[in-house]
Amino acid sequence: MRALQFSEYGPADLLRVAEVAEPHAGAGQVRVAVRASGVTPGDTYLRSGMFGDRLPLPHVPGVDAAGVVDEVGAGVTGVSAGDEVFGMVDIARLGGANAEFAVLAAWAPKPATLSWEQAGGAAANAETATRALDLLGVRDGTTLLIAGAAGGVGSVAIQLATARGAKVIGTAGPATQDFVGSLGATPVVYGEGQVDRVGAVDAVLHCAGDVPDLITIAGSPDRVVTIADMSGEHGIRLTHTAGGPGADPQALHGLAVAAELAERGAFTVPLAGVFPLDRGADAHRLSETGHAHGKIVLT
């Protein structure tokens, strides 16, 4: 099968489409013929070598995908060959979705309201956003600030938090205020003076931006959860599922929640860019700008 891969660590130029062996569904898994798959910042971090040489090379990136089930592993019930699903690979593999076939360890039915491209980029951001919202205890009546609300996780977190009954404020650049507002948040321009513009909140999800300001807004570092600050300098909670000390369990229930909301027309996946598989390097470059408004997807 054709798959995007890199054989050494470094810049996006190292990504190539190659013929690789097909994976097969093991116990508790399904294989899908991929229609679309996502690109996450984590993919670019791994490819660049930011996390060291932890992968056997060559490596196929991508953690989420949507497609048509064509293999069902032992012990799997409730899904059959021919079903349309979206989901995630086994997190221990740290990739494998950017290919013609992918093995999913968690999935939900693809909502008819989402295109293949939207569904292909839904799972990882829905899981990440749900995990962060759970850690923050976001519920009906919570006032939540999402810093970096126009990005892939931020744009999904707005919708999931609003569905819980939270009041959401989203910081973003001047050009994306209308975009953030269209998803259900009160948009606020980030940067100097944002502490006064935002006011007091109950909790903060940090996807981008100045951390000290966010601690001031929240009133305490223990009311801030980050998916982006890996420095450990500010005493806020970094949530990740990549293994090792401090790793959190995946919030896989977020996939079913997102699917149900989408069927009701209350959830979508904004797309920052859609690229064919052989332009995977361009997709990674867009992700690395830090200014992708929504999810980046490969088809």
C-alpha atoms as a PDB file:
ATOM      1  CA  MET A   1       0.000   0.000   0.000  1.00  0.00           C
ATOM      2  CA  ARG A   2       1.000   3.651  -0.359  1.00  0.00           C
ATOM      3  CA  ALA A   3       1.872   5.483   2.829  1.00  0.00           C
ATOM      4  CA  LEU A   4       3.516   8.717   3.871  1.00  0.00           C
ATOM      5  CA  GLN A   5       6.721   8.048   5.798  1.00  0.00           C
ATOM      6  CA  PHE A   6      10.054   9.429   6.940  1.00  0.00           C
ATOM      7  CA  SER A   7      13.253   7.396   7.231  1.00  0.00           C
ATOM      8  CA  GLU A   8      15.282   9.870   9.270  1.00  0.00           C
ATOM      9  CA  TYR A   9      14.537  12.734  11.630  1.00  0.00           C
ATOM     10  CA  GLY A  10      14.566  16.281  10.349  1.00  0.00           C
ATOM     11  CA  PRO A  11      12.584  18.751   8.216  1.00  0.00           C
ATOM     12  CA  ALA A  12       9.342  18.138   6.365  1.00  0.00           C
ATOM     13  CA  ASP A  13      11.267  17.642   3.112  1.00  0.00           C
ATOM     14  CA  LEU A  14      12.172  14.160   4.356  1.00  0.00           C
ATOM     15  CA  LEU A  15       8.581  12.935   3.996  1.00  0.00           C
ATOM     16  CA  ARG A  16       7.988  10.607   1.058  1.00  0.00           C
ATOM     17  CA  VAL A  17       5.149   8.417  -0.200  1.00  0.00           C
ATOM     18  CA  ALA A  18       6.381   4.831  -0.387  1.00  0.00           C
ATOM     19  CA  GLU A  19       5.070   1.309  -0.856  1.00  0.00           C
ATOM     20  CA  VAL A  20       4.887  -0.395   2.539  1.00  0.00           C
ATOM     21  CA  ALA A  21       3.402  -3.606   3.911  1.00  0.00           C
ATOM     22  CA  GLU A  22      -0.310  -3.469   4.732  1.00  0.00           C
ATOM     23  CA  PRO A  23      -1.240  -3.588   8.425  1.00  0.00           C
ATOM     24  CA  HIS A  24      -3.944  -5.967   9.627  1.00  0.00           C
ATOM     25  CA  ALA A  25      -6.513  -5.740  12.400  1.00  0.00           C
ATOM     26  CA  GLY A  26      -5.575  -7.492  15.624  1.00  0.00           C
ATOM     27  CA  ALA A  27      -7.788  -8.338  18.560  1.00  0.00           C
ATOM     28  CA  GLY A  28     -10.014  -5.402  19.500  1.00  0.00           C
ATOM     29  CA  GLN A  29      -9.145  -3.482  16.342  1.00  0.00           C
ATOM     30  CA  VAL A  30     -10.586  -2.706  12.918  1.00  0.00           C
ATOM     31  CA  ARG A  31      -8.822  -1.883   9.689  1.00  0.00           C
ATOM     32  CA  VAL A  32     -10.167   0.793   7.391  1.00  0.00           C
ATOM     33  CA  ALA A  33      -9.591   1.733   3.795  1.00  0.00           C
ATOM     34  CA  VAL A  34      -8.658   5.330   4.547  1.00  0.00           C
ATOM     35  CA  ARG A  35     -10.580   8.133   2.891  1.00  0.00           C
ATOM     36  CA  ALA A  36      -8.903  10.917   4.880  1.00  0.00           C
ATOM     37  CA  SER A  37      -6.422  11.159   7.759  1.00  0.00           C
ATOM     38  CA  GLY A  38      -5.236  13.917  10.023  1.00  0.00           C
ATOM     39  CA  VAL A  39      -1.985  15.774  10.650  1.00  0.00           C
ATOM     40  CA  THR A  40      -1.302  16.893  14.214  1.00  0.00           C
ATOM     41  CA  PRO A  41       1.464  19.008  15.769  1.00  0.00           C
ATOM     42  CA  GLY A  42       2.617  15.810  17.476  1.00  0.00           C
ATOM     43  CA  ASP A  43       3.353  14.300  14.054  1.00  0.00           C
ATOM     44  CA  THR A  44       5.652  17.191  13.210  1.00  0.00           C
ATOM     45  CA  TYR A  45       7.358  17.035  16.624  1.00  0.00           C
ATOM     46  CA  LEU A  46       8.114  13.330  16.171  1.00  0.00           C
ATOM     47  CA  ARG A  47       9.356  13.793  12.600  1.00  0.00           C
ATOM     48  CA  SER A  48      11.624  16.677  13.590  1.00  0.00           C
ATOM     49  CA  GLY A  49      13.290  14.633  16.318  1.00  0.00           C
ATOM     50  CA  MET A  50      12.042  16.911  19.107  1.00  0.00           C
ATOM     51  CA  PHE A  51      11.206  13.850  21.222  1.00  0.00           C
ATOM     52  CA  GLY A  52      14.412  12.000  20.384  1.00  0.00           C
ATOM     53  CA  ASP A  53      14.894   8.812  18.414  1.00  0.00           C
ATOM     54  CA  ARG A  54      12.038   6.910  20.030  1.00  0.00           C
ATOM     55  CA  LEU A  55      10.607   5.463  16.806  1.00  0.00           C
ATOM     56  CA  PRO A  56      11.665   2.532  14.662  1.00  0.00           C
ATOM     57  CA  LEU A  57      12.345   3.980  11.211  1.00  0.00           C
ATOM     58  CA  PRO A  58      10.951   4.322   8.613  1.00  0.00           C
ATOM     59  CA  HIS A  59       7.813   5.626  10.328  1.00  0.00           C
ATOM     60  CA  VAL A  60       4.316   6.327   8.985  1.00  0.00           C
ATOM     61  CA  PRO A  61       2.820   9.330  10.839  1.00  0.00           C
ATOM     62  CA  GLY A  62      -0.813  10.125  11.579  1.00  0.00           C
ATOM     63  CA  VAL A  63      -2.989   9.185  14.555  1.00  0.00           C
ATOM     64  CA  ASP A  64      -6.536   9.715  13.284  1.00  0.00           C
ATOM     65  CA  ALA A  65      -8.394   8.676  10.157  1.00  0.00           C
ATOM     66  CA  ALA A  66     -11.796   8.007   8.648  1.00  0.00           C
ATOM     67  CA  GLY A  67     -12.631   5.261   6.214  1.00  0.00           C
ATOM     68  CA  VAL A  68     -14.552   2.120   5.380  1.00  0.00           C
ATOM     69  CA  VAL A  69     -14.035  -0.937   7.571  1.00  0.00           C
ATOM     70  CA  ASP A  70     -12.586  -3.875   5.654  1.00  0.00           C
ATOM     71  CA  GLU A  71     -11.183  -6.048   8.480  1.00  0.00           C
ATOM     72  CA  VAL A  72     -12.647  -6.710  11.923  1.00  0.00           C
ATOM     73  CA  GLY A  73     -10.373  -8.109  14.619  1.00  0.00           C
ATOM     74  CA  ALA A  74     -11.177 -10.795  17.149  1.00  0.00           C
ATOM     75  CA  GLY A  75     -13.527  -9.763  19.915  1.00  0.00           C
ATOM     76  CA  VAL A  76     -14.877  -6.703  18.104  1.00  0.00           C
ATOM     77  CA  THR A  77     -18.652  -6.310  18.079  1.00  0.00           C
ATOM     78  CA  GLY A  78     -21.022  -3.662  16.787  1.00  0.00           C
ATOM     79  CA  VAL A  79     -19.140  -2.951  13.567  1.00  0.00           C
ATOM     80  CA  SER A  80     -18.896  -4.832  10.284  1.00  0.00           C
ATOM     81  CA  ALA A  81     -17.009  -4.669   7.012  1.00  0.00           C
ATOM     82  CA  GLY A  82     -18.461  -1.856   4.908  1.00  0.00           C
ATOM     83  CA  ASP A  83     -19.252   0.415   7.872  1.00  0.00           C
ATOM     84  CA  GLU A  84     -18.042   4.005   7.711  1.00  0.00           C
ATOM     85  CA  VAL A  85     -16.128   5.048  10.845  1.00  0.00           C
ATOM     86  CA  PHE A  86     -13.651   7.596  12.166  1.00  0.00           C
ATOM     87  CA  GLY A  87     -11.140   6.931  14.890  1.00  0.00           C
ATOM     88  CA  MET A  88      -7.586   6.653  16.167  1.00  0.00           C
ATOM     89  CA  VAL A  89      -4.702   4.239  15.924  1.00  0.00           C
ATOM     90  CA  ASP A  90      -3.174   2.575  18.989  1.00  0.00           C
ATOM     91  CA  ILE A  91      -1.429   5.443  20.757  1.00  0.00           C
ATOM     92  CA  ALA A  92       1.568   3.195  21.500  1.00  0.00           C
ATOM     93  CA  ARG A  93       2.317   3.122  17.752  1.00  0.00           C
ATOM     94  CA  LEU A  94       2.481   6.936  17.582  1.00  0.00           C
ATOM     95  CA  GLY A  95       1.300   6.869  13.994  1.00  0.00           C
ATOM     96  CA  GLY A  96       0.251   4.777  11.036  1.00  0.00           C
ATOM     97  CA  ALA A  97      -2.859   6.614   9.834  1.00  0.00           C
ATOM     98  CA  ASN A  98      -1.411   8.540   6.868  1.00  0.00           C
ATOM     99  CA  ALA A  99      -1.737   5.585   4.520  1.00  0.00           C
ATOM    100  CA  GLU A 100      -4.156   3.753   2.231  1.00  0.00           C
ATOM    101  CA  PHE A 101      -5.068   1.388   5.082  1.00  0.00           C
ATOM    102  CA  ALA A 102      -4.963   2.045   8.821  1.00  0.00           C
ATOM    103  CA  VAL A 103      -5.697  -0.050  11.894  1.00  0.00           C
ATOM    104  CA  LEU A 104      -7.888   1.740  14.425  1.00  0.00           C
ATOM    105  CA  ALA A 105      -7.931   0.930  18.128  1.00  0.00           C
ATOM    106  CA  ALA A 106     -10.831   3.294  18.891  1.00  0.00           C
ATOM    107  CA  TRP A 107     -13.615   4.479  16.609  1.00  0.00           C
ATOM    108  CA  ALA A 108     -17.155   5.750  16.266  1.00  0.00           C
ATOM    109  CA  PRO A 109     -19.630   5.729  13.366  1.00  0.00           C
ATOM    110  CA  LYS A 110     -18.923   8.460  10.833  1.00  0.00           C
ATOM    111  CA  PRO A 111     -21.719  11.059  11.071  1.00  0.00           C
ATOM    112  CA  ALA A 112     -23.452  11.722   7.766  1.00  0.00           C
ATOM    113  CA  THR A 113     -23.157  15.440   8.532  1.00  0.00           C
ATOM    114  CA  LEU A 114     -19.343  15.328   8.306  1.00  0.00           C
ATOM    115  CA  SER A 115     -17.454  15.036   5.037  1.00  0.00           C
ATOM    116  CA  TRP A 116     -14.713  12.431   4.777  1.00  0.00           C
ATOM    117  CA  GLU A 117     -12.162  15.191   5.226  1.00  0.00           C
ATOM    118  CA  GLN A 118     -13.835  16.489   8.379  1.00  0.00           C
ATOM    119  CA  ALA A 119     -14.271  12.994   9.820  1.00  0.00           C
ATOM    120  CA  GLY A 120     -10.668  12.126   8.992  1.00  0.00           C
ATOM    121  CA  GLY A 121      -9.489  14.972  11.194  1.00  0.00           C
ATOM    122  CA  ALA A 122     -12.057  14.642  13.974  1.00  0.00           C
ATOM    123  CA  ALA A 123     -10.859  11.949  16.348  1.00  0.00           C
ATOM    124  CA  ALA A 124      -7.539  13.206  17.719  1.00  0.00           C
ATOM    125  CA  ASN A 125      -8.792  16.713  18.389  1.00  0.00           C
ATOM    126  CA  ALA A 126     -12.044  15.437  19.927  1.00  0.00           C
ATOM    127  CA  GLU A 127     -10.072  13.140  22.236  1.00  0.00           C
ATOM    128  CA  THR A 128      -7.576  15.845  23.216  1.00  0.00           C
ATOM    129  CA  ALA A 129     -10.236  18.483  23.818  1.00  0.00           C
ATOM    130  CA  THR A 130     -12.400  16.088  25.828  1.00  0.00           C
ATOM    131  CA  ARG A 131      -9.430  15.034  27.974  1.00  0.00           C
ATOM    132  CA  ALA A 132      -8.571  18.659  28.760  1.00  0.00           C
ATOM    133  CA  LEU A 133     -12.182  19.609  29.503  1.00  0.00           C
ATOM    134  CA  ASP A 134     -12.528  16.613  31.822  1.00  0.00           C
ATOM    135  CA  LEU A 135      -9.349  17.540  33.699  1.00  0.00           C
ATOM    136  CA  LEU A 136     -10.641  21.087  34.126  1.00  0.00           C
ATOM    137  CA  GLY A 137     -14.058  19.867  35.289  1.00  0.00           C
ATOM    138  CA  VAL A 138     -15.873  21.882  32.628  1.00  0.00           C
ATOM    139  CA  ARG A 139     -19.626  21.545  33.019  1.00  0.00           C
ATOM    140  CA  ASP A 140     -22.850  23.523  32.870  1.00  0.00           C
ATOM    141  CA  GLY A 141     -22.183  27.002  34.258  1.00  0.00           C
ATOM    142  CA  THR A 142     -18.371  26.945  33.907  1.00  0.00           C
ATOM    143  CA  THR A 143     -16.753  30.024  32.396  1.00  0.00           C
ATOM    144  CA  LEU A 144     -13.907  28.667  30.294  1.00  0.00           C
ATOM    145  CA  LEU A 145     -11.155  30.554  28.487  1.00  0.00           C
ATOM    146  CA  ILE A 146      -9.600  28.797  25.504  1.00  0.00           C
ATOM    147  CA  ALA A 147      -6.317  30.444  24.541  1.00  0.00           C
ATOM    148  CA  GLY A 148      -5.539  29.742  20.904  1.00  0.00           C
ATOM    149  CA  ALA A 149      -9.174  29.067  20.108  1.00  0.00           C
ATOM    150  CA  ALA A 150      -8.814  29.163  16.311  1.00  0.00           C
ATOM    151  CA  GLY A 151      -6.534  26.111  16.116  1.00  0.00           C
ATOM    152  CA  GLY A 152      -7.471  22.486  15.590  1.00  0.00           C
ATOM    153  CA  VAL A 153      -7.994  21.544  19.234  1.00  0.00           C
ATOM    154  CA  GLY A 154      -9.271  24.969  20.255  1.00  0.00           C
ATOM    155  CA  SER A 155     -11.975  25.060  17.582  1.00  0.00           C
ATOM    156  CA  VAL A 156     -13.214  21.623  18.638  1.00  0.00           C
ATOM    157  CA  ALA A 157     -12.977  22.404  22.363  1.00  0.00           C
ATOM    158  CA  ILE A 158     -15.229  25.443  21.906  1.00  0.00           C
ATOM    159  CA  GLN A 159     -18.000  23.242  20.560  1.00  0.00           C
ATOM    160  CA  LEU A 160     -17.608  20.441  23.112  1.00  0.00           C
ATOM    161  CA  ALA A 161     -17.488  22.874  26.031  1.00  0.00           C
ATOM    162  CA  THR A 162     -20.519  24.786  24.765  1.00  0.00           C
ATOM    163  CA  ALA A 163     -22.413  21.500  24.485  1.00  0.00           C
ATOM    164  CA  ARG A 164     -21.709  20.920  28.184  1.00  0.00           C
ATOM    165  CA  GLY A 165     -23.349  24.233  29.000  1.00  0.00           C
ATOM    166  CA  ALA A 166     -20.159  26.207  29.575  1.00  0.00           C
ATOM    167  CA  LYS A 167     -19.704  29.850  28.690  1.00  0.00           C
ATOM    168  CA  VAL A 168     -16.648  29.939  26.442  1.00  0.00           C
ATOM    169  CA  ILE A 169     -14.285  32.847  25.761  1.00  0.00           C
ATOM    170  CA  GLY A 170     -11.751  32.291  23.009  1.00  0.00           C
ATOM    171  CA  THR A 171      -8.589  34.293  22.368  1.00  0.00           C
ATOM    172  CA  ALA A 172      -7.354  34.501  18.800  1.00  0.00           C
ATOM    173  CA  GLY A 173      -5.811  36.931  16.346  1.00  0.00           C
ATOM    174  CA  PRO A 174      -7.731  39.877  14.890  1.00  0.00           C
ATOM    175  CA  ALA A 175      -8.351  38.081  11.601  1.00  0.00           C
ATOM    176  CA  THR A 176     -10.025  35.074  13.250  1.00  0.00           C
ATOM    177  CA  GLN A 177     -12.445  36.781  15.628  1.00  0.00           C
ATOM    178  CA  ASP A 178     -15.475  36.032  13.441  1.00  0.00           C
ATOM    179  CA  PHE A 179     -14.340  32.419  12.999  1.00  0.00           C
ATOM    180  CA  VAL A 180     -14.077  31.883  16.765  1.00  0.00           C
ATOM    181  CA  GLY A 181     -17.433  33.560  17.309  1.00  0.00           C
ATOM    182  CA  SER A 182     -19.110  31.356  14.701  1.00  0.00           C
ATOM    183  CA  LEU A 183     -18.201  28.272  16.752  1.00  0.00           C
ATOM    184  CA  GLY A 184     -19.987  29.528  19.856  1.00  0.00           C
ATOM    185  CA  ALA A 185     -17.314  31.395  21.826  1.00  0.00           C
ATOM    186  CA  THR A 186     -17.029  35.037  22.775  1.00  0.00           C
ATOM    187  CA  PRO A 187     -13.958  36.108  20.782  1.00  0.00           C
ATOM    188  CA  VAL A 188     -11.215  38.210  22.353  1.00  0.00           C
ATOM    189  CA  VAL A 189      -8.031  39.442  20.682  1.00  0.00           C
ATOM    190  CA  TYR A 190      -4.967  37.896  22.319  1.00  0.00           C
ATOM    191  CA  GLY A 191      -1.856  39.814  23.333  1.00  0.00           C
ATOM    192  CA  GLU A 192      -1.165  42.885  25.408  1.00  0.00           C
ATOM    193  CA  GLY A 193      -4.162  43.892  27.487  1.00  0.00           C
ATOM    194  CA  GLN A 194      -5.919  40.518  27.221  1.00  0.00           C
ATOM    195  CA  VAL A 195      -6.073  40.142  31.006  1.00  0.00           C
ATOM    196  CA  ASP A 196      -8.406  43.133  31.185  1.00  0.00           C
ATOM    197  CA  ARG A 197     -10.318  42.163  28.058  1.00  0.00           C
ATOM    198  CA  VAL A 198     -11.068  38.637  29.308  1.00  0.00           C
ATOM    199  CA  GLY A 199     -11.810  39.199  32.990  1.00  0.00           C
ATOM    200  CA  ALA A 200     -12.176  36.408  35.536  1.00  0.00           C
ATOM    201  CA  VAL A 201     -12.849  32.820  34.471  1.00  0.00           C
ATOM    202  CA  ASP A 202     -13.207  29.458  36.195  1.00  0.00           C
ATOM    203  CA  ALA A 203     -10.760  27.514  34.041  1.00  0.00           C
ATOM    204  CA  VAL A 204      -8.312  27.941  31.152  1.00  0.00           C
ATOM    205  CA  LEU A 205      -7.375  25.592  28.324  1.00  0.00           C
ATOM    206  CA  HIS A 206      -4.034  26.715  26.889  1.00  0.00           C
ATOM    207  CA  CYS A 207      -3.539  25.798  23.234  1.00  0.00           C
ATOM    208  CA  ALA A 208      -1.331  28.808  22.408  1.00  0.00           C
ATOM    209  CA  GLY A 209      -0.312  32.145  23.841  1.00  0.00           C
ATOM    210  CA  ASP A 210       1.296  33.743  26.887  1.00  0.00           C
ATOM    211  CA  VAL A 211       1.063  31.460  29.937  1.00  0.00           C
ATOM    212  CA  PRO A 212       1.679  34.029  32.728  1.00  0.00           C
ATOM    213  CA  ASP A 213      -1.280  36.074  31.500  1.00  0.00           C
ATOM    214  CA  LEU A 214      -3.470  32.981  31.622  1.00  0.00           C
ATOM    215  CA  ILE A 215      -2.481  32.192  35.203  1.00  0.00           C
ATOM    216  CA  THR A 216      -3.402  35.752  36.157  1.00  0.00           C
ATOM    217  CA  ILE A 217      -6.780  35.379  34.445  1.00  0.00           C
ATOM    218  CA  ALA A 218      -7.453  31.994  36.066  1.00  0.00           C
ATOM    219  CA  GLY A 219      -6.262  33.135  39.481  1.00  0.00           C
ATOM    220  CA  SER A 220      -4.114  30.036  40.021  1.00  0.00           C
ATOM    221  CA  PRO A 221      -1.898  27.748  37.929  1.00  0.00           C
ATOM    222  CA  ASP A 222      -3.917  24.707  38.999  1.00  0.00           C
ATOM    223  CA  ARG A 223      -6.880  26.067  37.025  1.00  0.00           C
ATOM    224  CA  VAL A 224      -4.926  25.984  33.755  1.00  0.00           C
ATOM    225  CA  VAL A 225      -4.419  22.908  31.571  1.00  0.00           C
ATOM    226  CA  THR A 226      -2.070  23.108  28.593  1.00  0.00           C
ATOM    227  CA  ILE A 227      -1.606  20.992  25.504  1.00  0.00           C
ATOM    228  CA  ALA A 228       1.175  23.232  24.197  1.00  0.00           C
ATOM    229  CA  ASP A 229       3.569  24.353  26.965  1.00  0.00           C
ATOM    230  CA  MET A 230       6.123  21.596  27.516  1.00  0.00           C
ATOM    231  CA  SER A 231       8.550  23.768  29.459  1.00  0.00           C
ATOM    232  CA  GLY A 232       7.195  22.949  32.913  1.00  0.00           C
ATOM    233  CA  GLU A 233       8.213  26.442  33.993  1.00  0.00           C
ATOM    234  CA  HIS A 234       4.849  27.791  35.075  1.00  0.00           C
ATOM    235  CA  GLY A 235       3.379  25.077  37.299  1.00  0.00           C
ATOM    236  CA  ILE A 236       0.406  24.376  35.035  1.00  0.00           C
ATOM    237  CA  ARG A 237      -0.855  20.914  34.091  1.00  0.00           C
ATOM    238  CA  LEU A 238       0.414  19.546  30.763  1.00  0.00           C
ATOM    239  CA  THR A 239      -1.894  16.855  29.427  1.00  0.00           C
ATOM    240  CA  HIS A 240      -0.542  14.272  27.018  1.00  0.00           C
ATOM    241  CA  THR A 241      -0.972  10.579  26.271  1.00  0.00           C
ATOM    242  CA  ALA A 242       2.457   9.818  24.831  1.00  0.00           C
ATOM    243  CA  GLY A 243       3.535   7.550  27.682  1.00  0.00           C
ATOM    244  CA  GLY A 244       6.064   8.086  30.426  1.00  0.00           C
ATOM    245  CA  PRO A 245       5.676  10.165  33.608  1.00  0.00           C
ATOM    246  CA  GLY A 246       2.573  12.326  33.726  1.00  0.00           C
ATOM    247  CA  ALA A 247       0.767  10.676  30.806  1.00  0.00           C
ATOM    248  CA  ASP A 248      -3.024  10.780  31.034  1.00  0.00           C
ATOM    249  CA  PRO A 249      -5.500   8.101  29.946  1.00  0.00           C
ATOM    250  CA  GLN A 250      -7.106   8.834  26.606  1.00  0.00           C
ATOM    251  CA  ALA A 251     -10.590  10.353  26.687  1.00  0.00           C
ATOM    252  CA  LEU A 252     -11.902   8.073  23.955  1.00  0.00           C
ATOM    253  CA  HIS A 253     -15.511   8.677  24.986  1.00  0.00           C
ATOM    254  CA  GLY A 254     -15.073  12.047  23.285  1.00  0.00           C
ATOM    255  CA  LEU A 255     -15.369  10.367  19.863  1.00  0.00           C
ATOM    256  CA  ALA A 256     -18.909   9.157  20.502  1.00  0.00           C
ATOM    257  CA  VAL A 257     -19.862  12.524  22.005  1.00  0.00           C
ATOM    258  CA  ALA A 258     -18.574  14.360  18.942  1.00  0.00           C
ATOM    259  CA  ALA A 259     -20.382  11.937  16.605  1.00  0.00           C
ATOM    260  CA  GLU A 260     -23.685  12.385  18.423  1.00  0.00           C
ATOM    261  CA  LEU A 261     -23.362  16.166  18.423  1.00  0.00           C
ATOM    262  CA  ALA A 262     -22.488  16.147  14.715  1.00  0.00           C
ATOM    263  CA  GLU A 263     -25.592  14.130  13.895  1.00  0.00           C
ATOM    264  CA  ARG A 264     -27.609  16.885  15.619  1.00  0.00           C
ATOM    265  CA  GLY A 265     -25.796  19.588  13.675  1.00  0.00           C
ATOM    266  CA  ALA A 266     -24.017  20.815  16.807  1.00  0.00           C
ATOM    267  CA  PHE A 267     -20.452  19.820  15.912  1.00  0.00           C
ATOM    268  CA  THR A 268     -18.202  20.294  12.919  1.00  0.00           C
ATOM    269  CA  VAL A 269     -14.490  20.093  12.140  1.00  0.00           C
ATOM    270  CA  PRO A 270     -13.128  23.324  10.643  1.00  0.00           C
ATOM    271  CA  LEU A 271     -10.500  22.500   8.039  1.00  0.00           C
ATOM    272  CA  ALA A 272      -7.312  24.540   7.763  1.00  0.00           C
ATOM    273  CA  GLY A 273      -6.069  22.656   4.720  1.00  0.00           C
ATOM    274  CA  VAL A 274      -6.658  19.481   2.711  1.00  0.00           C
ATOM    275  CA  PHE A 275      -3.711  17.942   0.847  1.00  0.00           C
ATOM    276  CA  PRO A 276      -3.228  14.781  -1.204  1.00  0.00           C
ATOM    277  CA  LEU A 277      -0.988  12.197   0.454  1.00  0.00           C
ATOM    278  CA  ASP A 278       1.952  13.047  -1.797  1.00  0.00           C
ATOM    279  CA  ARG A 279       1.880  16.612  -0.478  1.00  0.00           C
ATOM    280  CA  GLY A 280       2.337  15.505   3.103  1.00  0.00           C
ATOM    281  CA  ALA A 281       5.399  17.732   3.430  1.00  0.00           C
ATOM    282  CA  ASP A 282       3.269  20.784   2.639  1.00  0.00           C
ATOM    283  CA  ALA A 283       0.750  19.708   5.267  1.00  0.00           C
ATOM    284  CA  HIS A 284       3.508  19.413   7.869  1.00  0.00           C
ATOM    285  CA  ARG A 285       4.889  22.826   6.918  1.00  0.00           C
ATOM    286  CA  LEU A 286       1.458  24.389   7.416  1.00  0.00           C
ATOM    287  CA  SER A 287       1.172  22.762  10.837  1.00  0.00           C
ATOM    288  CA  GLU A 288       4.595  24.078  11.814  1.00  0.00           C
ATOM    289  CA  THR A 289       3.562  27.674  11.163  1.00  0.00           C
ATOM    290  CA  GLY A 290       1.356  27.516  14.259  1.00  0.00           C
ATOM    291  CA  HIS A 291      -1.277  29.498  12.385  1.00  0.00           C
ATOM    292  CA  ALA A 292      -3.496  26.749  10.964  1.00  0.00           C
ATOM    293  CA  HIS A 293      -7.102  27.669  11.718  1.00  0.00           C
ATOM    294  CA  GLY A 294      -8.676  24.261  12.133  1.00  0.00           C
ATOM    295  CA  LYS A 295      -7.518  20.748  11.215  1.00  0.00           C
ATOM    296  CA  ILE A 296      -5.030  19.752   8.523  1.00  0.00           C
ATOM    297  CA  VAL A 297      -6.014  16.647   6.567  1.00  0.00           C
ATOM    298  CA  LEU A 298      -4.517  14.310   3.977  1.00  0.00           C
ATOM    299  CA  THR A 299      -6.567  12.447   1.363  1.00  0.00           C
END
